[in-house]
Amino acid sequence: MKDTILIVEDDRDIREVVTILLGKEGYNTLQAATGEKALEEISRNPDLIILDVMLPDLDGYEVCRRIRKVSLAPVLFLTAKGGVHEKTEGFEAGGDDYLVKPFFQEELMVRIRALLRRYEKYRGKEEIQPDVQYLEAGRFRVSTEFNEVLKDGEAVTMTDIEYKIFKLFVRYRNKIFSIQNIYESVWEKPYFYDANNTVMVHIRRLRMAIEDDPRHPVYIHTEWGRGYRFVSE
């Protein structure tokens, strides 16, 4: 069955263009012109959400924060607001990627396919087979195949990006990773300067997920001028 994509966009023309484009690629689509409508459509379990920032009721960041309470489906912000501050707020809200209008159709499809590949690979604990391997590190147990992280036997909720960063850290504990190392390993794209902020936002969110006190991290250490490393107990 083809994936279902929720398009949240108040501009009817853009919404229709994206719908037609996705339909030609074989995707099922849902539409929402407001944030409240988008939150209603989340109950239909879309596989990916394309989310505008400027909506007539709730802004896209708030919509994303509410989505993250009930779904880990990837969120692609599609917006005219492309500054560093806007991107930071989008990632902190739980977004996975950011594409600035006007955009090339080919780039939109590349982003969508990449996000869906990651989501298909790591979602669904019901898909976990008995022979799935785990990495053990002190209080943590990390699946090598699916987005499953346990801390003291309790599931830790995190996005696919955060899971991939954490798995990288746990696999190579005590190794110092530069921001470039992390970006190229996790995003699988060439490093660029603005990626620094993207990585730091996700590290901050990862600390919020795994640390007892994120303000005083015990597991993910900052090595000033060098990067980050994971230290297990």
Protein backbone atom coordinates (compact mmCIF):
# COMPACT_ATOMS: atom_id res chain seq x y z
CA MET A 1 0.00 0.00 0.00
CA LYS A 2 1.33 3.44 -0.95
CA ASP A 3 2.15 5.92 1.81
CA THR A 4 -0.32 8.63 2.79
CA ILE A 5 0.90 12.21 3.02
CA LEU A 6 -0.93 15.00 4.84
CA ILE A 7 -0.55 18.41 3.17
CA VAL A 8 -1.13 21.30 5.58
CA GLU A 9 -1.21 24.52 3.57
CA ASP A 10 -3.64 27.45 3.61
CA ASP A 11 -2.82 28.50 0.04
CA ARG A 12 -5.26 26.49 -2.05
CA ASP A 13 -3.19 26.71 -5.24
CA ILE A 14 -0.04 25.38 -3.56
CA ARG A 15 -2.04 22.69 -1.80
CA GLU A 16 -3.54 21.52 -5.08
CA VAL A 17 -0.21 21.59 -6.93
CA VAL A 18 1.47 19.47 -4.25
CA THR A 19 -1.52 17.10 -4.19
CA ILE A 20 -1.36 16.60 -7.96
CA LEU A 21 2.41 16.09 -7.84
CA LEU A 22 2.17 13.47 -5.09
CA GLY A 23 -0.73 11.77 -6.83
CA LYS A 24 1.36 11.35 -9.97
CA GLU A 25 4.01 9.65 -7.83
CA GLY A 26 1.41 7.23 -6.50
CA TYR A 27 1.00 8.64 -3.00
CA ASN A 28 -2.32 8.93 -1.20
CA THR A 29 -2.97 12.43 0.12
CA LEU A 30 -4.94 14.21 2.83
CA GLN A 31 -5.44 17.98 2.90
CA ALA A 32 -5.82 20.57 5.63
CA ALA A 33 -6.02 24.37 5.29
CA THR A 34 -5.75 25.08 9.04
CA GLY A 35 -3.80 23.82 12.00
CA GLU A 36 -6.90 22.52 13.76
CA LYS A 37 -7.94 20.57 10.68
CA ALA A 38 -4.43 19.12 10.45
CA LEU A 39 -4.67 17.86 14.03
CA GLU A 40 -7.97 16.18 13.19
CA GLU A 41 -6.40 14.47 10.17
CA ILE A 42 -3.55 13.07 12.30
CA SER A 43 -6.06 10.53 13.63
CA ARG A 44 -5.94 8.96 10.14
CA ASN A 45 -2.26 8.12 10.73
CA PRO A 46 -0.51 9.75 7.76
CA ASP A 47 2.99 8.49 7.01
CA LEU A 48 4.40 11.99 6.47
CA ILE A 49 3.21 15.56 7.05
CA ILE A 50 4.08 18.51 4.80
CA LEU A 51 3.49 21.50 7.05
CA ASP A 52 3.34 25.22 6.30
CA VAL A 53 4.41 27.61 9.06
CA MET A 54 2.00 30.46 8.35
CA LEU A 55 -1.51 29.13 8.98
CA PRO A 56 -4.66 31.14 9.73
CA ASP A 57 -5.18 29.75 13.24
CA LEU A 58 -2.25 27.93 14.84
CA ASP A 59 1.25 28.43 13.49
CA GLY A 60 3.02 25.42 12.05
CA TYR A 61 5.45 25.16 14.96
CA GLU A 62 2.61 24.75 17.45
CA VAL A 63 0.91 22.24 15.15
CA CYS A 64 4.15 20.25 14.98
CA ARG A 65 4.55 20.25 18.76
CA ARG A 66 1.01 18.87 19.14
CA ILE A 67 1.60 16.28 16.41
CA ARG A 68 4.68 15.05 18.25
CA LYS A 69 2.54 14.19 21.28
CA VAL A 70 0.69 11.54 19.26
CA SER A 71 2.81 10.69 16.21
CA LEU A 72 6.43 10.19 15.16
CA ALA A 73 5.62 10.49 11.45
CA PRO A 74 8.22 12.73 9.75
CA VAL A 75 7.33 16.41 9.39
CA LEU A 76 8.64 18.41 6.44
CA PHE A 77 8.23 22.15 6.89
CA LEU A 78 7.39 23.81 3.57
CA THR A 79 7.45 27.56 4.02
CA ALA A 80 8.60 30.94 2.76
CA LYS A 81 10.34 31.58 6.10
CA GLY A 82 13.83 30.21 5.63
CA GLY A 83 16.04 32.04 8.12
CA VAL A 84 18.24 30.30 10.69
CA HIS A 85 15.89 31.32 13.51
CA GLU A 86 12.87 29.84 11.72
CA LYS A 87 14.71 26.60 10.95
CA THR A 88 15.85 26.30 14.57
CA GLU A 89 12.31 26.78 15.84
CA GLY A 90 11.06 24.19 13.36
CA PHE A 91 13.57 21.56 14.46
CA GLU A 92 12.96 22.32 18.14
CA ALA A 93 9.24 21.82 17.56
CA GLY A 94 9.99 18.31 16.29
CA GLY A 95 10.34 18.84 12.54
CA ASP A 96 12.56 16.54 10.51
CA ASP A 97 13.37 18.66 7.46
CA TYR A 98 12.83 22.15 6.06
CA LEU A 99 12.21 23.22 2.45
CA VAL A 100 11.88 26.89 1.53
CA LYS A 101 9.37 28.24 -1.01
CA PRO A 102 9.65 28.59 -3.93
CA PHE A 103 10.93 25.06 -4.35
CA PHE A 104 11.79 22.71 -7.19
CA GLN A 105 9.42 19.77 -7.51
CA GLU A 106 12.36 17.39 -7.84
CA GLU A 107 13.85 18.58 -4.56
CA LEU A 108 10.50 18.19 -2.79
CA MET A 109 10.22 14.59 -3.98
CA VAL A 110 13.82 13.79 -2.98
CA ARG A 111 13.15 15.10 0.54
CA ILE A 112 9.88 13.16 0.81
CA ARG A 113 11.41 9.89 -0.35
CA ALA A 114 14.34 10.23 2.06
CA LEU A 115 12.07 10.93 5.03
CA LEU A 116 9.75 8.05 4.18
CA ARG A 117 12.66 5.62 3.79
CA ARG A 118 13.83 6.42 7.29
CA TYR A 119 10.33 6.22 8.71
CA GLU A 120 9.54 2.91 7.02
CA LYS A 121 12.75 1.43 8.33
CA TYR A 122 12.45 2.46 11.96
CA ARG A 123 8.76 2.71 12.83
CA GLY A 124 6.50 0.00 14.13
CA LYS A 125 7.69 -1.97 17.12
CA GLU A 126 5.16 -4.57 16.05
CA GLU A 127 7.47 -5.28 13.11
CA ILE A 128 10.43 -6.15 15.34
CA GLN A 129 11.51 -9.75 14.89
CA PRO A 130 12.99 -11.93 17.65
CA ASP A 131 16.43 -11.90 16.02
CA VAL A 132 16.77 -8.10 16.05
CA GLN A 133 20.10 -7.13 17.58
CA TYR A 134 20.56 -4.59 20.36
CA LEU A 135 23.36 -2.38 21.60
CA GLU A 136 23.81 -2.32 25.37
CA ALA A 137 25.26 0.69 27.20
CA GLY A 138 24.71 1.00 30.94
CA ARG A 139 21.06 1.91 31.50
CA PHE A 140 20.32 1.90 27.76
CA ARG A 141 19.34 -0.76 25.23
CA VAL A 142 19.16 0.33 21.59
CA SER A 143 17.78 -1.66 18.69
CA THR A 144 20.12 -1.72 15.70
CA GLU A 145 17.23 -1.97 13.24
CA PHE A 146 14.25 -0.05 14.58
CA ASN A 147 13.54 3.14 16.46
CA GLU A 148 13.49 1.47 19.85
CA VAL A 149 15.45 2.80 22.81
CA LEU A 150 14.97 1.54 26.36
CA LYS A 151 16.23 3.26 29.50
CA ASP A 152 16.03 1.10 32.61
CA GLY A 153 13.66 -1.10 30.62
CA GLU A 154 11.27 1.76 29.82
CA ALA A 155 10.73 2.95 26.24
CA VAL A 156 12.19 6.35 25.37
CA THR A 157 10.28 8.34 22.76
CA MET A 158 12.40 10.07 20.13
CA THR A 159 12.25 10.95 16.45
CA ASP A 160 14.09 8.92 13.82
CA ILE A 161 16.84 11.55 13.56
CA GLU A 162 17.40 11.54 17.31
CA TYR A 163 17.40 7.73 17.29
CA LYS A 164 20.03 7.62 14.54
CA ILE A 165 22.27 10.07 16.42
CA PHE A 166 21.90 8.11 19.65
CA LYS A 167 22.57 4.78 17.94
CA LEU A 168 25.73 6.27 16.42
CA PHE A 169 26.86 7.48 19.86
CA VAL A 170 26.13 4.17 21.57
CA ARG A 171 27.79 2.10 18.86
CA TYR A 172 30.96 4.16 19.19
CA ARG A 173 30.80 5.20 22.83
CA ASN A 174 33.55 7.51 24.08
CA LYS A 175 34.42 8.48 20.50
CA ILE A 176 34.30 12.23 19.85
CA PHE A 177 32.10 13.11 16.89
CA SER A 178 32.42 16.48 15.24
CA ILE A 179 29.24 18.15 14.02
CA GLN A 180 30.33 17.36 10.47
CA ASN A 181 30.76 13.66 11.40
CA ILE A 182 27.27 13.56 12.89
CA TYR A 183 25.58 15.38 10.02
CA GLU A 184 27.14 13.32 7.26
CA SER A 185 26.57 10.03 9.12
CA VAL A 186 22.94 10.67 10.07
CA TRP A 187 21.56 12.88 7.31
CA GLU A 188 23.71 11.18 4.67
CA LYS A 189 24.27 14.49 2.90
CA PRO A 190 27.39 16.63 2.35
CA TYR A 191 28.10 18.91 5.31
CA PHE A 192 27.43 22.66 5.04
CA TYR A 193 27.92 25.41 7.60
CA ASP A 194 24.23 25.93 8.48
CA ALA A 195 24.08 22.25 9.46
CA ASN A 196 25.81 23.18 12.74
CA ASN A 197 22.63 24.68 14.10
CA THR A 198 20.53 21.75 12.89
CA VAL A 199 22.74 19.20 14.67
CA MET A 200 22.86 21.22 17.89
CA VAL A 201 19.07 21.45 18.02
CA HIS A 202 18.76 17.67 17.70
CA ILE A 203 21.45 17.08 20.33
CA ARG A 204 19.48 19.32 22.69
CA ARG A 205 16.29 17.36 21.99
CA LEU A 206 18.14 14.06 22.42
CA ARG A 207 19.41 15.17 25.82
CA MET A 208 15.85 16.02 26.81
CA ALA A 209 14.85 12.48 25.88
CA ILE A 210 17.59 10.51 27.66
CA GLU A 211 19.12 12.62 30.41
CA ASP A 212 17.73 12.71 33.95
CA ASP A 213 18.58 16.43 34.03
CA PRO A 214 19.18 17.81 30.50
CA ARG A 215 20.73 20.96 31.96
CA HIS A 216 23.48 18.84 33.49
CA PRO A 217 24.02 16.03 30.95
CA VAL A 218 25.71 12.87 32.17
CA TYR A 219 25.65 10.79 28.99
CA ILE A 220 26.16 13.16 26.05
CA HIS A 221 29.20 15.28 26.75
CA THR A 222 30.15 18.43 24.86
CA GLU A 223 33.83 18.47 23.96
CA TRP A 224 34.37 22.16 23.36
CA GLY A 225 35.82 22.93 19.96
CA ARG A 226 35.68 19.26 18.97
CA GLY A 227 32.13 17.93 19.12
CA TYR A 228 30.19 15.45 21.27
CA ARG A 229 30.70 12.02 22.75
CA PHE A 230 28.55 9.49 24.59
CA VAL A 231 29.72 8.18 27.95
CA SER A 232 27.85 5.28 29.54
CA GLU A 233 27.87 4.43 33.21
